[in-house]
Every structure is written in C-alpha cells, then in structure tokens.
C-alpha cells in the first residue's frame, strides 16, 4: 500500500480491470473510512473522533489504485461527512492536510485552538 499521495483529479476514480467505481463507507468499529472498488478494499483513512472533532491520522491506498483518485475520494467523502456532522478537523495525516491545502473550500473545517495562553 502507498500512503495517500496520488493525484486528486476531478473525474470519477477508476480502477484497472473492473467497473472502477469507488465507494466510500465509514467503518466506525475500525475508526476509518474505507474505499472499495468492485467490492475490494482499495484504501482507507484512519481517524480519531470526539463529539466536536475528527482527527485524520493516516491514509493508505493499495498500490494497484495509486494515482487513480482513491485517496482524493476518501478525503472528500470524510471531510464532507465531518461538515455534515458539524465537526472540526485536525489533519495530522500529511495526505489529508495537503488535500485540504489544495481545496480551499474545506479549510473552514480546520480546528483552530481558541486559547491565547502564552508563557
């Protein structure tokens, strides 16, 4: 598996040797969103969730699906769900962080500490 990192493309992600439709589902018991292509696991994004926040800690995409938009589909679906649930996002995962940087419409989801404590 590769770590996120494929191009995000704006077209429907496709996979070699099948219909190529990417389906994203939340697997809360495993604390991750899963991307499936033709029923097989193509990648996942691991998260930690609190009532106010979701922290994305790691994204992986199977090598066979690298560069086909699977990571982007994972990021978009997970962030859309965070928005729908009114959650703020902490992007520890470099792939998710970079994806947000490239998609400014999602930057409003990023958590900003309200504390102004200093030494």
N, C-alpha and C. Protein backbone atom coordinates (compact mmCIF):
# COMPACT_ATOMS: atom_id res chain seq x y z
N UNK A 1 0.84 -1.18 0.00
CA UNK A 1 0.00 0.00 0.00
C UNK A 1 0.87 1.24 0.00
N UNK A 2 0.42 2.24 -0.70
CA UNK A 2 1.11 3.53 -0.65
C UNK A 2 0.38 4.43 0.33
N UNK A 3 1.02 5.47 0.73
CA UNK A 3 0.43 6.40 1.70
C UNK A 3 -0.17 7.55 0.93
N UNK A 4 -1.51 7.54 0.78
CA UNK A 4 -2.20 8.62 0.08
C UNK A 4 -1.42 8.97 -1.17
N UNK A 5 -1.18 10.23 -1.35
CA UNK A 5 -0.20 10.70 -2.30
C UNK A 5 -0.53 10.67 -3.76
N UNK A 6 -1.61 10.07 -4.20
CA UNK A 6 -1.88 10.09 -5.62
C UNK A 6 -2.53 11.40 -6.00
N UNK A 7 -2.53 11.68 -7.29
CA UNK A 7 -3.17 12.90 -7.77
C UNK A 7 -4.64 12.89 -7.42
N UNK A 8 -5.21 14.09 -7.25
CA UNK A 8 -6.59 14.09 -6.80
C UNK A 8 -7.58 14.10 -7.95
N UNK A 9 -7.21 14.55 -9.12
CA UNK A 9 -8.11 14.51 -10.26
C UNK A 9 -9.52 14.97 -9.94
N UNK A 10 -10.24 15.41 -10.92
CA UNK A 10 -11.61 15.82 -10.70
C UNK A 10 -12.60 14.86 -11.33
N UNK A 11 -12.12 13.82 -11.96
CA UNK A 11 -13.02 12.86 -12.59
C UNK A 11 -13.30 11.71 -11.64
N UNK A 12 -14.28 10.90 -12.00
CA UNK A 12 -14.63 9.73 -11.20
C UNK A 12 -13.43 8.79 -11.16
N UNK A 13 -12.97 8.42 -9.96
CA UNK A 13 -11.86 7.49 -9.88
C UNK A 13 -12.21 6.17 -10.56
N UNK A 14 -11.23 5.59 -11.24
CA UNK A 14 -11.45 4.30 -11.88
C UNK A 14 -10.32 3.36 -11.52
N UNK A 15 -10.59 2.08 -11.68
CA UNK A 15 -9.59 1.07 -11.37
C UNK A 15 -9.41 0.15 -12.56
N UNK A 16 -8.21 -0.35 -12.72
CA UNK A 16 -7.93 -1.26 -13.81
C UNK A 16 -8.67 -2.57 -13.62
N UNK A 17 -9.22 -3.09 -14.69
CA UNK A 17 -9.79 -4.43 -14.66
C UNK A 17 -11.17 -4.55 -14.04
N UNK A 18 -11.91 -3.48 -13.92
CA UNK A 18 -13.26 -3.57 -13.35
C UNK A 18 -14.04 -2.33 -13.67
N UNK A 19 -15.21 -2.21 -13.07
CA UNK A 19 -16.04 -1.04 -13.33
C UNK A 19 -15.37 0.21 -12.80
N UNK A 20 -14.54 0.07 -11.77
CA UNK A 20 -13.77 1.18 -11.29
C UNK A 20 -14.51 2.14 -10.39
N UNK A 21 -15.77 1.93 -10.08
CA UNK A 21 -16.49 2.85 -9.22
C UNK A 21 -15.99 2.73 -7.79
N UNK A 22 -15.62 3.88 -7.21
CA UNK A 22 -15.12 3.93 -5.85
C UNK A 22 -16.30 4.19 -4.91
N UNK A 23 -16.43 3.34 -3.89
CA UNK A 23 -17.45 3.50 -2.87
C UNK A 23 -16.75 3.76 -1.55
N UNK A 24 -17.17 4.84 -0.87
CA UNK A 24 -16.57 5.21 0.41
C UNK A 24 -17.59 4.95 1.51
N UNK A 25 -17.16 4.25 2.55
CA UNK A 25 -18.03 4.00 3.70
C UNK A 25 -17.26 4.25 4.99
N UNK A 26 -17.99 4.64 6.02
CA UNK A 26 -17.40 4.79 7.34
C UNK A 26 -17.44 3.43 8.02
N UNK A 27 -16.35 3.01 8.59
CA UNK A 27 -16.26 1.77 9.37
C UNK A 27 -15.90 2.18 10.79
N UNK A 28 -16.88 2.69 11.55
CA UNK A 28 -16.57 3.26 12.87
C UNK A 28 -15.94 2.27 13.84
N UNK A 29 -16.26 0.99 13.72
CA UNK A 29 -15.66 0.00 14.61
C UNK A 29 -14.16 -0.13 14.39
N UNK A 30 -13.69 0.26 13.20
CA UNK A 30 -12.26 0.23 12.89
C UNK A 30 -11.67 1.64 12.86
N UNK A 31 -12.48 2.65 13.15
CA UNK A 31 -12.04 4.05 13.18
C UNK A 31 -11.42 4.46 11.85
N UNK A 32 -12.13 4.13 10.76
CA UNK A 32 -11.60 4.52 9.46
C UNK A 32 -12.71 4.59 8.41
N UNK A 33 -12.43 5.39 7.40
CA UNK A 33 -13.24 5.39 6.19
C UNK A 33 -12.56 4.42 5.23
N UNK A 34 -13.36 3.66 4.52
CA UNK A 34 -12.81 2.68 3.59
C UNK A 34 -13.26 3.00 2.17
N UNK A 35 -12.33 2.85 1.24
CA UNK A 35 -12.62 2.99 -0.18
C UNK A 35 -12.61 1.59 -0.78
N UNK A 36 -13.68 1.26 -1.45
CA UNK A 36 -13.78 -0.05 -2.11
C UNK A 36 -14.03 0.15 -3.60
N UNK A 37 -13.35 -0.68 -4.38
CA UNK A 37 -13.54 -0.70 -5.82
C UNK A 37 -13.92 -2.12 -6.19
N UNK A 38 -15.06 -2.27 -6.82
CA UNK A 38 -15.58 -3.60 -7.19
C UNK A 38 -15.60 -4.53 -5.98
N UNK A 39 -15.91 -3.98 -4.82
CA UNK A 39 -16.05 -4.76 -3.60
C UNK A 39 -14.76 -4.98 -2.82
N UNK A 40 -13.63 -4.75 -3.44
CA UNK A 40 -12.35 -4.96 -2.76
C UNK A 40 -11.83 -3.69 -2.11
N UNK A 41 -11.14 -3.84 -1.00
CA UNK A 41 -10.57 -2.70 -0.29
C UNK A 41 -9.47 -2.06 -1.13
N UNK A 42 -9.64 -0.78 -1.46
CA UNK A 42 -8.66 -0.05 -2.27
C UNK A 42 -7.84 0.91 -1.42
N UNK A 43 -8.39 1.30 -0.25
CA UNK A 43 -7.67 2.22 0.62
C UNK A 43 -8.50 2.57 1.83
N UNK A 44 -7.87 3.31 2.74
CA UNK A 44 -8.59 3.72 3.95
C UNK A 44 -7.95 4.96 4.55
N UNK A 45 -8.75 5.68 5.34
CA UNK A 45 -8.29 6.85 6.09
C UNK A 45 -8.66 6.64 7.55
N UNK A 46 -7.66 6.54 8.40
CA UNK A 46 -7.85 6.27 9.83
C UNK A 46 -8.12 7.59 10.56
N UNK A 47 -9.07 7.55 11.50
CA UNK A 47 -9.41 8.75 12.26
C UNK A 47 -9.63 8.46 13.73
N UNK A 48 -9.58 9.52 14.52
CA UNK A 48 -9.99 9.52 15.92
C UNK A 48 -11.10 10.56 16.01
N UNK A 49 -12.15 10.26 16.74
CA UNK A 49 -13.30 11.16 16.78
C UNK A 49 -13.70 11.48 18.21
N UNK A 50 -14.03 12.75 18.45
CA UNK A 50 -14.63 13.20 19.69
C UNK A 50 -15.97 13.84 19.29
N UNK A 51 -16.76 14.26 20.25
CA UNK A 51 -18.03 14.90 19.87
C UNK A 51 -17.87 16.18 19.04
N UNK A 52 -16.72 16.85 19.14
CA UNK A 52 -16.51 18.10 18.41
C UNK A 52 -15.51 18.01 17.27
N UNK A 53 -14.64 17.00 17.31
CA UNK A 53 -13.51 16.94 16.37
C UNK A 53 -13.39 15.57 15.72
N UNK A 54 -12.83 15.58 14.53
CA UNK A 54 -12.34 14.35 13.92
C UNK A 54 -10.89 14.62 13.50
N UNK A 55 -10.00 13.73 13.92
CA UNK A 55 -8.58 13.85 13.62
C UNK A 55 -8.21 12.75 12.64
N UNK A 56 -7.71 13.14 11.48
CA UNK A 56 -7.27 12.16 10.48
C UNK A 56 -5.78 11.92 10.70
N UNK A 57 -5.44 10.66 10.97
CA UNK A 57 -4.07 10.34 11.36
C UNK A 57 -3.27 9.57 10.30
N UNK A 58 -3.95 8.92 9.37
CA UNK A 58 -3.20 8.09 8.40
C UNK A 58 -4.11 7.72 7.24
N UNK A 59 -3.56 7.79 6.03
CA UNK A 59 -4.29 7.37 4.83
C UNK A 59 -3.40 6.43 4.04
N UNK A 60 -3.98 5.34 3.57
CA UNK A 60 -3.25 4.40 2.71
C UNK A 60 -4.12 4.01 1.53
N UNK A 61 -3.47 3.83 0.38
CA UNK A 61 -4.14 3.38 -0.83
C UNK A 61 -3.34 2.20 -1.38
N UNK A 62 -4.04 1.13 -1.73
CA UNK A 62 -3.38 -0.03 -2.33
C UNK A 62 -2.61 0.41 -3.57
N UNK A 63 -1.42 -0.14 -3.76
CA UNK A 63 -0.57 0.25 -4.89
C UNK A 63 -1.30 0.16 -6.23
N UNK A 64 -2.14 -0.82 -6.41
CA UNK A 64 -2.86 -1.01 -7.67
C UNK A 64 -3.81 0.16 -7.97
N UNK A 65 -4.15 0.94 -6.97
CA UNK A 65 -5.09 2.05 -7.15
C UNK A 65 -4.43 3.41 -7.02
N UNK A 66 -3.12 3.43 -6.82
CA UNK A 66 -2.40 4.69 -6.70
C UNK A 66 -2.54 5.52 -7.96
N UNK A 67 -2.71 6.82 -7.80
CA UNK A 67 -2.82 7.73 -8.94
C UNK A 67 -4.17 7.70 -9.62
N UNK A 68 -5.16 7.03 -9.02
CA UNK A 68 -6.48 6.90 -9.64
C UNK A 68 -7.57 7.65 -8.88
N UNK A 69 -7.16 8.50 -7.94
CA UNK A 69 -8.13 9.33 -7.24
C UNK A 69 -8.79 8.70 -6.04
N UNK A 70 -8.32 7.54 -5.61
CA UNK A 70 -8.92 6.87 -4.45
C UNK A 70 -8.69 7.68 -3.19
N UNK A 71 -7.46 8.17 -2.98
CA UNK A 71 -7.17 8.97 -1.80
C UNK A 71 -7.99 10.25 -1.78
N UNK A 72 -8.13 10.87 -2.93
CA UNK A 72 -8.94 12.08 -3.02
C UNK A 72 -10.40 11.80 -2.71
N UNK A 73 -10.91 10.68 -3.20
CA UNK A 73 -12.30 10.31 -2.91
C UNK A 73 -12.49 10.08 -1.41
N UNK A 74 -11.50 9.45 -0.78
CA UNK A 74 -11.55 9.24 0.67
C UNK A 74 -11.58 10.57 1.41
N UNK A 75 -10.65 11.46 1.06
CA UNK A 75 -10.58 12.75 1.75
C UNK A 75 -11.87 13.54 1.57
N UNK A 76 -12.35 13.63 0.35
CA UNK A 76 -13.56 14.41 0.08
C UNK A 76 -14.76 13.85 0.85
N UNK A 77 -14.97 12.55 0.81
CA UNK A 77 -16.12 11.94 1.49
C UNK A 77 -16.02 12.13 3.01
N UNK A 78 -14.84 11.91 3.56
CA UNK A 78 -14.65 12.05 5.01
C UNK A 78 -14.86 13.49 5.46
N UNK A 79 -14.34 14.44 4.69
CA UNK A 79 -14.49 15.84 5.05
C UNK A 79 -15.92 16.33 4.84
N UNK A 80 -16.58 15.83 3.81
CA UNK A 80 -17.99 16.18 3.61
C UNK A 80 -18.83 15.67 4.78
N UNK A 81 -18.52 14.48 5.27
CA UNK A 81 -19.25 13.94 6.41
C UNK A 81 -18.96 14.74 7.68
N UNK A 82 -17.71 15.15 7.87
CA UNK A 82 -17.37 15.99 9.03
C UNK A 82 -18.18 17.28 8.98
N UNK A 83 -18.27 17.88 7.81
CA UNK A 83 -19.05 19.11 7.66
C UNK A 83 -20.51 18.87 7.99
N UNK A 84 -21.06 17.79 7.46
CA UNK A 84 -22.48 17.48 7.69
C UNK A 84 -22.77 17.25 9.18
N UNK A 85 -21.78 16.74 9.91
CA UNK A 85 -21.96 16.46 11.34
C UNK A 85 -21.54 17.63 12.22
N UNK A 86 -21.11 18.72 11.61
CA UNK A 86 -20.71 19.90 12.38
C UNK A 86 -19.40 19.72 13.14
N UNK A 87 -18.52 18.84 12.64
CA UNK A 87 -17.24 18.59 13.31
C UNK A 87 -16.14 19.45 12.73
N UNK A 88 -15.19 19.82 13.57
CA UNK A 88 -13.98 20.46 13.10
C UNK A 88 -12.95 19.35 12.84
N UNK A 89 -11.94 19.68 12.05
CA UNK A 89 -10.98 18.68 11.57
C UNK A 89 -9.57 19.03 12.03
N UNK A 90 -8.85 18.02 12.50
CA UNK A 90 -7.41 18.11 12.74
C UNK A 90 -6.78 17.16 11.73
N UNK A 91 -5.95 17.70 10.85
CA UNK A 91 -5.35 16.91 9.78
C UNK A 91 -3.91 16.59 10.13
N UNK A 92 -3.70 15.54 10.93
CA UNK A 92 -2.36 15.07 11.26
C UNK A 92 -1.76 14.34 10.05
N UNK A 93 -2.58 13.62 9.34
CA UNK A 93 -2.16 12.88 8.15
C UNK A 93 -1.68 13.85 7.07
N UNK A 94 -0.46 13.70 6.58
CA UNK A 94 0.04 14.61 5.55
C UNK A 94 -0.80 14.61 4.27
N UNK A 95 -1.37 13.46 3.92
CA UNK A 95 -2.18 13.43 2.70
C UNK A 95 -3.43 14.28 2.86
N UNK A 96 -4.16 14.10 3.97
CA UNK A 96 -5.38 14.87 4.20
C UNK A 96 -5.05 16.36 4.34
N UNK A 97 -3.98 16.67 5.05
CA UNK A 97 -3.56 18.06 5.20
C UNK A 97 -3.26 18.69 3.84
N UNK A 98 -2.50 18.00 3.02
CA UNK A 98 -2.19 18.50 1.68
C UNK A 98 -3.42 18.63 0.80
N UNK A 99 -4.35 17.69 0.94
CA UNK A 99 -5.58 17.73 0.15
C UNK A 99 -6.38 18.98 0.52
N UNK A 100 -6.47 19.26 1.80
CA UNK A 100 -7.18 20.47 2.23
C UNK A 100 -6.48 21.72 1.70
N UNK A 101 -5.16 21.73 1.74
CA UNK A 101 -4.41 22.88 1.20
C UNK A 101 -4.75 23.12 -0.26
N UNK A 102 -4.96 22.04 -1.02
CA UNK A 102 -5.26 22.17 -2.45
C UNK A 102 -6.74 22.42 -2.73
N UNK A 103 -7.58 22.33 -1.70
CA UNK A 103 -9.03 22.53 -1.86
C UNK A 103 -9.51 23.53 -0.81
N UNK A 104 -9.33 24.82 -1.09
CA UNK A 104 -9.62 25.87 -0.11
C UNK A 104 -11.04 25.84 0.45
N UNK A 105 -11.98 25.29 -0.26
CA UNK A 105 -13.36 25.25 0.23
C UNK A 105 -13.50 24.40 1.50
N UNK A 106 -12.47 23.61 1.81
CA UNK A 106 -12.50 22.76 3.00
C UNK A 106 -11.70 23.33 4.18
N UNK A 107 -11.00 24.42 3.96
CA UNK A 107 -10.15 24.98 5.02
C UNK A 107 -10.93 25.45 6.24
N UNK A 108 -12.20 25.82 6.03
CA UNK A 108 -13.01 26.27 7.16
C UNK A 108 -13.27 25.16 8.17
N UNK A 109 -13.04 23.91 7.79
CA UNK A 109 -13.24 22.79 8.70
C UNK A 109 -12.09 22.64 9.70
N UNK A 110 -10.94 23.22 9.40
CA UNK A 110 -9.76 23.01 10.24
C UNK A 110 -9.94 23.62 11.62
N UNK A 111 -9.60 22.84 12.60
CA UNK A 111 -9.67 23.26 14.00
C UNK A 111 -8.61 24.30 14.28
N UNK A 112 -9.02 25.36 14.97
CA UNK A 112 -8.08 26.37 15.43
C UNK A 112 -8.30 26.54 16.93
N UNK A 113 -7.25 26.34 17.71
CA UNK A 113 -7.35 26.48 19.15
C UNK A 113 -7.75 27.90 19.51
N UNK A 114 -8.68 28.03 20.43
CA UNK A 114 -9.13 29.36 20.82
C UNK A 114 -8.32 29.91 21.99
N UNK A 115 -7.49 29.10 22.59
CA UNK A 115 -6.68 29.54 23.73
C UNK A 115 -5.59 30.49 23.26
N UNK A 116 -5.40 31.55 24.00
CA UNK A 116 -4.34 32.50 23.72
C UNK A 116 -3.27 32.47 24.80
N UNK A 117 -3.15 31.34 25.49
CA UNK A 117 -2.19 31.21 26.59
C UNK A 117 -0.78 31.28 26.05
N UNK A 118 0.05 32.04 26.74
CA UNK A 118 1.46 32.12 26.38
C UNK A 118 2.29 32.13 27.65
N UNK A 119 3.59 31.92 27.50
CA UNK A 119 4.50 31.90 28.66
C UNK A 119 4.67 33.27 29.25
